[in-house]
Amino acid sequence: HMQQVVAQMAQPGDAQAYLVFTSMRMLMRMEPDDQGELVSPPAPLEEPAVIFAFTVIDGRTQICMQPVRPDQTPVLKFKPSSVAEVGEKLAELAGT
């Protein structure tokens, strides 16, 4: 059963967001729609997944990791991070 995952952002901005399937080591890019929400391609929601997103606010890298629950529209809340941490988290999630 495939369905799109939709997420809202707590603050507007230009975030890069990915739907990451932790058991399958698969990454899907989430694209902004015209409502300013982030939408994934159709995805197998019976698999465990997290939304991994990063953005730059006031010149500082910020990240968000949030588990996906099929019955909820997550609101992405970012916290300060670093470019290095973004790379580490992505590598960790992708299992590389």
N, C-alpha and C. Protein backbone atom coordinates (compact mmCIF):
# COMPACT_ATOMS: atom_id res chain seq x y z
N HIS A 1 0.85 -1.19 0.00
CA HIS A 1 0.00 0.00 0.00
C HIS A 1 0.89 1.24 0.00
N MET A 2 0.79 2.04 -1.04
CA MET A 2 1.66 3.21 -1.17
C MET A 2 0.86 4.47 -0.91
N GLN A 3 1.45 5.37 -0.14
CA GLN A 3 0.79 6.67 0.00
C GLN A 3 1.82 7.75 0.26
N GLN A 4 1.43 8.98 -0.06
CA GLN A 4 2.35 10.09 0.11
C GLN A 4 2.45 10.47 1.58
N VAL A 5 3.63 10.94 1.96
CA VAL A 5 3.81 11.51 3.29
C VAL A 5 3.86 13.03 3.11
N VAL A 6 3.08 13.74 3.93
CA VAL A 6 3.05 15.19 3.88
C VAL A 6 3.53 15.72 5.22
N ALA A 7 4.38 16.73 5.19
CA ALA A 7 4.87 17.34 6.43
C ALA A 7 4.72 18.85 6.32
N GLN A 8 4.49 19.48 7.46
CA GLN A 8 4.44 20.93 7.50
C GLN A 8 5.70 21.43 8.18
N MET A 9 6.06 22.66 7.88
CA MET A 9 7.23 23.24 8.53
C MET A 9 6.79 24.23 9.59
N ALA A 10 7.43 24.17 10.74
CA ALA A 10 7.08 25.07 11.83
C ALA A 10 7.38 26.52 11.44
N GLN A 11 8.50 26.70 10.71
CA GLN A 11 8.78 28.04 10.21
C GLN A 11 9.01 27.95 8.71
N PRO A 12 8.51 28.92 7.94
CA PRO A 12 8.69 28.84 6.50
C PRO A 12 10.16 28.93 6.14
N GLY A 13 10.55 28.26 5.09
CA GLY A 13 11.94 28.32 4.69
C GLY A 13 12.17 27.36 3.56
N ASP A 14 13.40 27.31 3.12
CA ASP A 14 13.75 26.49 1.98
C ASP A 14 14.47 25.26 2.52
N ALA A 15 13.73 24.26 2.94
CA ALA A 15 14.37 23.09 3.55
C ALA A 15 14.58 21.99 2.51
N GLN A 16 15.64 21.22 2.71
CA GLN A 16 15.83 19.97 1.97
C GLN A 16 15.28 18.88 2.89
N ALA A 17 14.35 18.09 2.38
CA ALA A 17 13.76 17.06 3.25
C ALA A 17 13.73 15.73 2.52
N TYR A 18 13.97 14.68 3.29
CA TYR A 18 13.98 13.33 2.73
C TYR A 18 13.16 12.41 3.62
N LEU A 19 12.45 11.51 2.98
CA LEU A 19 11.79 10.43 3.69
C LEU A 19 12.79 9.29 3.68
N VAL A 20 13.17 8.80 4.86
CA VAL A 20 14.21 7.78 4.95
C VAL A 20 13.62 6.51 5.55
N PHE A 21 13.70 5.42 4.79
CA PHE A 21 13.23 4.13 5.30
C PHE A 21 14.39 3.44 5.98
N THR A 22 14.31 3.36 7.31
CA THR A 22 15.47 2.93 8.07
C THR A 22 15.79 1.45 7.86
N SER A 23 14.77 0.61 7.59
CA SER A 23 15.07 -0.82 7.42
C SER A 23 15.55 -1.13 6.01
N MET A 24 15.12 -0.31 5.03
CA MET A 24 15.47 -0.60 3.63
C MET A 24 16.62 0.26 3.13
N ARG A 25 17.11 1.18 3.97
CA ARG A 25 18.19 2.07 3.53
C ARG A 25 17.81 2.81 2.26
N MET A 26 16.60 3.34 2.24
CA MET A 26 16.12 4.01 1.04
C MET A 26 15.76 5.46 1.38
N LEU A 27 16.11 6.35 0.48
CA LEU A 27 15.88 7.78 0.68
C LEU A 27 14.97 8.30 -0.42
N MET A 28 13.93 9.04 -0.07
CA MET A 28 13.08 9.68 -1.08
C MET A 28 13.05 11.17 -0.81
N ARG A 29 13.25 11.95 -1.81
CA ARG A 29 13.25 13.41 -1.67
C ARG A 29 11.80 13.90 -1.50
N MET A 30 11.58 14.79 -0.55
CA MET A 30 10.27 15.40 -0.38
C MET A 30 10.30 16.79 -1.02
N GLU A 31 9.30 17.09 -1.84
CA GLU A 31 9.28 18.35 -2.57
C GLU A 31 8.20 19.27 -2.00
N PRO A 32 8.46 20.59 -1.98
CA PRO A 32 7.42 21.51 -1.51
C PRO A 32 6.26 21.58 -2.50
N ASP A 33 5.03 21.63 -1.99
CA ASP A 33 3.88 21.83 -2.87
C ASP A 33 3.45 23.30 -2.82
N ASP A 34 2.36 23.64 -3.47
CA ASP A 34 2.00 25.06 -3.52
C ASP A 34 1.39 25.57 -2.21
N GLN A 35 1.16 24.68 -1.25
CA GLN A 35 0.70 25.13 0.08
C GLN A 35 1.89 25.34 1.03
N GLY A 36 3.10 25.09 0.52
CA GLY A 36 4.27 25.21 1.38
C GLY A 36 4.50 23.99 2.25
N GLU A 37 3.78 22.90 1.96
CA GLU A 37 4.03 21.65 2.69
C GLU A 37 5.02 20.82 1.88
N LEU A 38 5.65 19.88 2.55
CA LEU A 38 6.61 18.99 1.87
C LEU A 38 5.90 17.66 1.62
N VAL A 39 6.04 17.16 0.39
CA VAL A 39 5.30 15.96 0.00
C VAL A 39 6.28 14.94 -0.59
N SER A 40 6.13 13.69 -0.15
CA SER A 40 6.99 12.63 -0.68
C SER A 40 6.31 11.98 -1.89
N PRO A 41 7.10 11.25 -2.68
CA PRO A 41 6.47 10.37 -3.68
C PRO A 41 5.67 9.29 -2.93
N PRO A 42 4.79 8.55 -3.61
CA PRO A 42 4.08 7.45 -2.94
C PRO A 42 5.09 6.49 -2.31
N ALA A 43 4.83 6.12 -1.06
CA ALA A 43 5.81 5.34 -0.29
C ALA A 43 5.12 4.23 0.49
N PRO A 44 5.86 3.15 0.78
CA PRO A 44 5.29 2.04 1.54
C PRO A 44 5.28 2.36 3.04
N LEU A 45 4.15 2.84 3.55
CA LEU A 45 4.13 3.34 4.92
C LEU A 45 4.10 2.26 5.99
N GLU A 46 4.01 1.00 5.56
CA GLU A 46 4.12 -0.05 6.59
C GLU A 46 5.58 -0.23 7.02
N GLU A 47 6.51 0.36 6.28
CA GLU A 47 7.94 0.30 6.65
C GLU A 47 8.26 1.45 7.61
N PRO A 48 9.16 1.19 8.61
CA PRO A 48 9.55 2.28 9.50
C PRO A 48 10.31 3.37 8.74
N ALA A 49 9.94 4.61 8.99
CA ALA A 49 10.56 5.72 8.26
C ALA A 49 10.69 6.94 9.15
N VAL A 50 11.66 7.77 8.82
CA VAL A 50 11.80 9.07 9.48
C VAL A 50 11.89 10.14 8.39
N ILE A 51 11.49 11.34 8.77
CA ILE A 51 11.74 12.48 7.89
C ILE A 51 13.02 13.13 8.39
N PHE A 52 13.97 13.29 7.49
CA PHE A 52 15.22 13.96 7.81
C PHE A 52 15.24 15.23 6.98
N ALA A 53 15.35 16.37 7.64
CA ALA A 53 15.32 17.63 6.91
C ALA A 53 16.41 18.55 7.43
N PHE A 54 16.90 19.40 6.54
CA PHE A 54 17.85 20.42 7.00
C PHE A 54 17.60 21.71 6.24
N THR A 55 17.96 22.80 6.87
CA THR A 55 17.73 24.12 6.30
C THR A 55 18.78 25.06 6.86
N VAL A 56 18.83 26.25 6.32
CA VAL A 56 19.74 27.26 6.87
C VAL A 56 18.88 28.43 7.34
N ILE A 57 19.00 28.76 8.62
CA ILE A 57 18.26 29.88 9.20
C ILE A 57 19.28 30.85 9.77
N ASP A 58 19.20 32.09 9.33
CA ASP A 58 20.18 33.12 9.78
C ASP A 58 21.62 32.65 9.60
N GLY A 59 21.90 32.00 8.48
CA GLY A 59 23.26 31.57 8.20
C GLY A 59 23.73 30.35 8.97
N ARG A 60 22.84 29.74 9.77
CA ARG A 60 23.23 28.54 10.52
C ARG A 60 22.46 27.31 10.06
N THR A 61 23.18 26.21 9.93
CA THR A 61 22.54 24.96 9.54
C THR A 61 21.65 24.46 10.68
N GLN A 62 20.45 24.01 10.33
CA GLN A 62 19.53 23.46 11.32
C GLN A 62 18.99 22.15 10.78
N ILE A 63 18.79 21.18 11.68
CA ILE A 63 18.26 19.90 11.22
C ILE A 63 17.02 19.48 12.01
N CYS A 64 16.32 18.52 11.43
CA CYS A 64 15.13 17.97 12.05
C CYS A 64 15.07 16.50 11.68
N MET A 65 14.81 15.64 12.67
CA MET A 65 14.54 14.23 12.38
C MET A 65 13.25 13.88 13.09
N GLN A 66 12.34 13.33 12.36
CA GLN A 66 11.04 13.05 12.94
C GLN A 66 10.48 11.73 12.42
N PRO A 67 10.06 10.85 13.34
CA PRO A 67 9.47 9.58 12.88
C PRO A 67 8.17 9.84 12.12
N VAL A 68 7.89 8.97 11.16
CA VAL A 68 6.66 9.08 10.38
C VAL A 68 5.60 8.19 11.01
N ARG A 69 4.43 8.76 11.25
CA ARG A 69 3.27 7.96 11.67
C ARG A 69 2.20 8.17 10.61
N PRO A 70 1.68 7.07 10.06
CA PRO A 70 0.77 7.18 8.91
C PRO A 70 -0.44 8.07 9.14
N ASP A 71 -0.89 8.20 10.39
CA ASP A 71 -2.12 8.95 10.64
C ASP A 71 -1.88 10.40 11.05
N GLN A 72 -0.64 10.89 10.92
CA GLN A 72 -0.35 12.25 11.37
C GLN A 72 0.40 13.03 10.30
N THR A 73 0.17 14.34 10.27
CA THR A 73 0.97 15.24 9.44
C THR A 73 2.01 15.86 10.36
N PRO A 74 3.26 15.42 10.29
CA PRO A 74 4.26 15.97 11.20
C PRO A 74 4.56 17.44 10.90
N VAL A 75 4.87 18.17 11.95
CA VAL A 75 5.33 19.55 11.80
C VAL A 75 6.82 19.53 12.09
N LEU A 76 7.62 19.93 11.10
CA LEU A 76 9.07 19.85 11.25
C LEU A 76 9.58 21.03 12.07
N LYS A 77 10.22 20.72 13.17
CA LYS A 77 10.82 21.75 14.01
C LYS A 77 12.33 21.57 13.96
N PHE A 78 13.02 22.62 13.56
CA PHE A 78 14.46 22.51 13.34
C PHE A 78 15.23 22.93 14.59
N LYS A 79 16.40 22.29 14.76
CA LYS A 79 17.27 22.71 15.84
C LYS A 79 18.68 22.93 15.30
N PRO A 80 19.44 23.82 15.93
CA PRO A 80 20.77 24.17 15.41
C PRO A 80 21.65 22.93 15.26
N SER A 81 22.46 22.94 14.23
CA SER A 81 23.31 21.80 13.93
C SER A 81 24.53 22.33 13.19
N SER A 82 25.17 21.44 12.43
CA SER A 82 26.31 21.85 11.62
C SER A 82 26.28 21.05 10.33
N VAL A 83 26.98 21.54 9.34
CA VAL A 83 27.05 20.82 8.06
C VAL A 83 27.63 19.42 8.29
N ALA A 84 28.63 19.33 9.17
CA ALA A 84 29.24 18.02 9.46
C ALA A 84 28.21 17.05 10.04
N GLU A 85 27.37 17.55 10.95
CA GLU A 85 26.36 16.67 11.55
C GLU A 85 25.33 16.21 10.52
N VAL A 86 24.95 17.10 9.62
CA VAL A 86 24.02 16.71 8.55
C VAL A 86 24.60 15.53 7.77
N GLY A 87 25.87 15.64 7.40
CA GLY A 87 26.54 14.56 6.66
C GLY A 87 26.58 13.26 7.45
N GLU A 88 26.91 13.38 8.75
CA GLU A 88 26.98 12.18 9.61
C GLU A 88 25.62 11.51 9.73
N LYS A 89 24.58 12.29 9.97
CA LYS A 89 23.23 11.73 10.15
C LYS A 89 22.77 11.05 8.86
N LEU A 90 23.02 11.70 7.73
CA LEU A 90 22.62 11.09 6.46
C LEU A 90 23.35 9.76 6.23
N ALA A 91 24.62 9.73 6.52
CA ALA A 91 25.41 8.51 6.35
C ALA A 91 24.88 7.41 7.28
N GLU A 92 24.57 7.81 8.52
CA GLU A 92 24.04 6.88 9.51
C GLU A 92 22.70 6.29 9.03
N LEU A 93 21.81 7.18 8.58
CA LEU A 93 20.50 6.74 8.13
C LEU A 93 20.58 5.87 6.88
N ALA A 94 21.50 6.23 6.00
CA ALA A 94 21.63 5.48 4.74
C ALA A 94 22.46 4.22 4.93
N GLY A 95 23.02 4.06 6.12
CA GLY A 95 23.77 2.85 6.44
C GLY A 95 25.09 2.75 5.71
N THR A 96 25.69 3.90 5.37
CA THR A 96 26.97 3.84 4.66
C THR A 96 28.12 4.03 5.61
